[in-house]
């Protein structure tokens, strides 16, 4: 399952980068607080996945 976990981790990291990009570009569909919360949730998911791998 390491390949599946790596794929999920990559997906979460790309999602976090997308949210950060949206926040930097002033995406009016989201407030900065919502974008930051989504990034925080995504990074938390990545950390949990890495903890499960250990």
N, C-alpha and C. Protein backbone atom coordinates (compact mmCIF):
# COMPACT_ATOMS: atom_id res chain seq x y z
N UNK A 1 0.78 -1.21 0.00
CA UNK A 1 0.00 0.00 0.00
C UNK A 1 0.83 1.28 0.00
N UNK A 2 2.12 1.22 0.11
CA UNK A 2 2.89 2.46 0.11
C UNK A 2 2.63 3.31 -1.13
N UNK A 3 2.44 2.68 -2.30
CA UNK A 3 2.18 3.45 -3.51
C UNK A 3 0.88 4.23 -3.40
N UNK A 4 -0.16 3.59 -2.84
CA UNK A 4 -1.44 4.27 -2.67
C UNK A 4 -1.31 5.44 -1.70
N UNK A 5 -0.58 5.22 -0.62
CA UNK A 5 -0.37 6.29 0.37
C UNK A 5 0.41 7.44 -0.23
N UNK A 6 1.43 7.11 -1.03
CA UNK A 6 2.21 8.16 -1.67
C UNK A 6 1.34 8.96 -2.63
N UNK A 7 0.46 8.28 -3.35
CA UNK A 7 -0.45 8.96 -4.27
C UNK A 7 -1.38 9.90 -3.50
N UNK A 8 -1.93 9.42 -2.38
CA UNK A 8 -2.82 10.25 -1.56
C UNK A 8 -2.06 11.45 -1.00
N UNK A 9 -0.84 11.22 -0.54
CA UNK A 9 -0.03 12.31 -0.01
C UNK A 9 0.23 13.35 -1.08
N UNK A 10 0.60 12.90 -2.27
CA UNK A 10 0.84 13.84 -3.37
C UNK A 10 -0.42 14.63 -3.68
N UNK A 11 -1.56 13.96 -3.69
CA UNK A 11 -2.83 14.62 -3.96
C UNK A 11 -3.10 15.72 -2.92
N UNK A 12 -2.89 15.38 -1.65
CA UNK A 12 -3.14 16.35 -0.58
C UNK A 12 -2.18 17.54 -0.67
N UNK A 13 -0.93 17.27 -1.00
CA UNK A 13 0.03 18.36 -1.11
C UNK A 13 -0.32 19.28 -2.29
N UNK A 14 -0.73 18.69 -3.41
CA UNK A 14 -1.14 19.50 -4.56
C UNK A 14 -2.39 20.33 -4.23
N UNK A 15 -3.29 19.72 -3.48
CA UNK A 15 -4.50 20.44 -3.06
C UNK A 15 -4.13 21.62 -2.16
N UNK A 16 -3.20 21.40 -1.25
CA UNK A 16 -2.75 22.50 -0.38
C UNK A 16 -2.13 23.62 -1.20
N UNK A 17 -1.31 23.27 -2.17
CA UNK A 17 -0.70 24.29 -3.03
C UNK A 17 -1.76 25.06 -3.81
N UNK A 18 -2.77 24.35 -4.27
CA UNK A 18 -3.85 25.02 -5.01
C UNK A 18 -4.57 26.01 -4.10
N UNK A 19 -4.85 25.61 -2.87
CA UNK A 19 -5.53 26.51 -1.93
C UNK A 19 -4.68 27.73 -1.61
N UNK A 20 -3.38 27.51 -1.45
CA UNK A 20 -2.49 28.63 -1.19
C UNK A 20 -2.46 29.57 -2.39
N UNK A 21 -2.42 29.02 -3.59
CA UNK A 21 -2.44 29.84 -4.80
C UNK A 21 -3.72 30.64 -4.89
N UNK A 22 -4.86 30.03 -4.58
CA UNK A 22 -6.13 30.75 -4.59
C UNK A 22 -6.11 31.92 -3.61
N UNK A 23 -5.56 31.68 -2.42
CA UNK A 23 -5.51 32.73 -1.42
C UNK A 23 -4.59 33.87 -1.87
N UNK A 24 -3.45 33.52 -2.48
CA UNK A 24 -2.51 34.55 -2.93
C UNK A 24 -3.07 35.38 -4.07
N UNK A 25 -3.89 34.77 -4.90
CA UNK A 25 -4.45 35.47 -6.05
C UNK A 25 -5.71 36.24 -5.69
N UNK A 26 -6.10 36.19 -4.43
CA UNK A 26 -7.27 36.93 -3.99
C UNK A 26 -8.56 36.37 -4.55
N UNK A 27 -8.66 35.05 -4.63
CA UNK A 27 -9.87 34.40 -5.13
C UNK A 27 -11.06 34.88 -4.31
N UNK A 28 -11.96 35.60 -4.94
CA UNK A 28 -13.07 36.21 -4.21
C UNK A 28 -14.14 35.21 -3.81
N UNK A 29 -14.04 33.98 -4.31
CA UNK A 29 -15.02 32.97 -3.93
C UNK A 29 -14.74 32.43 -2.53
N UNK A 30 -13.59 32.72 -2.01
CA UNK A 30 -13.22 32.24 -0.69
C UNK A 30 -12.66 33.40 0.13
N UNK A 31 -12.88 33.37 1.40
CA UNK A 31 -12.19 34.31 2.26
C UNK A 31 -10.83 33.72 2.59
N UNK A 32 -9.92 34.56 3.02
CA UNK A 32 -8.60 34.06 3.41
C UNK A 32 -8.72 33.05 4.55
N UNK A 33 -9.64 33.28 5.46
CA UNK A 33 -9.80 32.37 6.60
C UNK A 33 -10.20 30.98 6.13
N UNK A 34 -11.11 30.90 5.17
CA UNK A 34 -11.55 29.61 4.66
C UNK A 34 -10.40 28.92 3.94
N UNK A 35 -9.67 29.67 3.11
CA UNK A 35 -8.55 29.08 2.38
C UNK A 35 -7.50 28.55 3.36
N UNK A 36 -7.20 29.32 4.39
CA UNK A 36 -6.21 28.88 5.37
C UNK A 36 -6.70 27.64 6.13
N UNK A 37 -7.98 27.59 6.43
CA UNK A 37 -8.53 26.42 7.12
C UNK A 37 -8.42 25.18 6.23
N UNK A 38 -8.69 25.33 4.94
CA UNK A 38 -8.60 24.20 4.03
C UNK A 38 -7.15 23.71 3.91
N UNK A 39 -6.21 24.63 3.85
CA UNK A 39 -4.80 24.24 3.79
C UNK A 39 -4.40 23.53 5.08
N UNK A 40 -4.84 24.07 6.20
CA UNK A 40 -4.53 23.45 7.48
C UNK A 40 -5.09 22.03 7.55
N UNK A 41 -6.31 21.84 7.09
CA UNK A 41 -6.92 20.51 7.09
C UNK A 41 -6.16 19.55 6.18
N UNK A 42 -5.75 20.06 5.02
CA UNK A 42 -5.01 19.22 4.08
C UNK A 42 -3.68 18.80 4.66
N UNK A 43 -2.96 19.74 5.25
CA UNK A 43 -1.66 19.41 5.85
C UNK A 43 -1.82 18.45 7.02
N UNK A 44 -2.88 18.61 7.79
CA UNK A 44 -3.15 17.68 8.89
C UNK A 44 -3.38 16.27 8.37
N UNK A 45 -4.10 16.16 7.25
CA UNK A 45 -4.33 14.85 6.64
C UNK A 45 -3.03 14.21 6.21
N UNK A 46 -2.15 14.99 5.63
CA UNK A 46 -0.85 14.47 5.19
C UNK A 46 -0.06 13.97 6.39
N UNK A 47 -0.04 14.75 7.46
CA UNK A 47 0.70 14.33 8.65
C UNK A 47 0.13 13.05 9.25
N UNK A 48 -1.19 12.94 9.27
CA UNK A 48 -1.81 11.71 9.80
C UNK A 48 -1.42 10.50 8.95
N UNK A 49 -1.39 10.68 7.64
CA UNK A 49 -1.00 9.58 6.76
C UNK A 49 0.43 9.14 7.04
N UNK A 50 1.32 10.10 7.24
CA UNK A 50 2.71 9.75 7.52
C UNK A 50 2.84 9.06 8.87
N UNK A 51 2.07 9.48 9.86
CA UNK A 51 2.10 8.81 11.16
C UNK A 51 1.63 7.38 11.06
N UNK A 52 0.63 7.12 10.22
CA UNK A 52 0.11 5.77 10.05
C UNK A 52 1.14 4.88 9.35
N UNK A 53 1.97 5.47 8.50
CA UNK A 53 2.98 4.71 7.78
C UNK A 53 4.10 4.24 8.69
N UNK A 54 4.30 4.91 9.79
CA UNK A 54 5.44 4.59 10.66
C UNK A 54 5.17 3.42 11.54
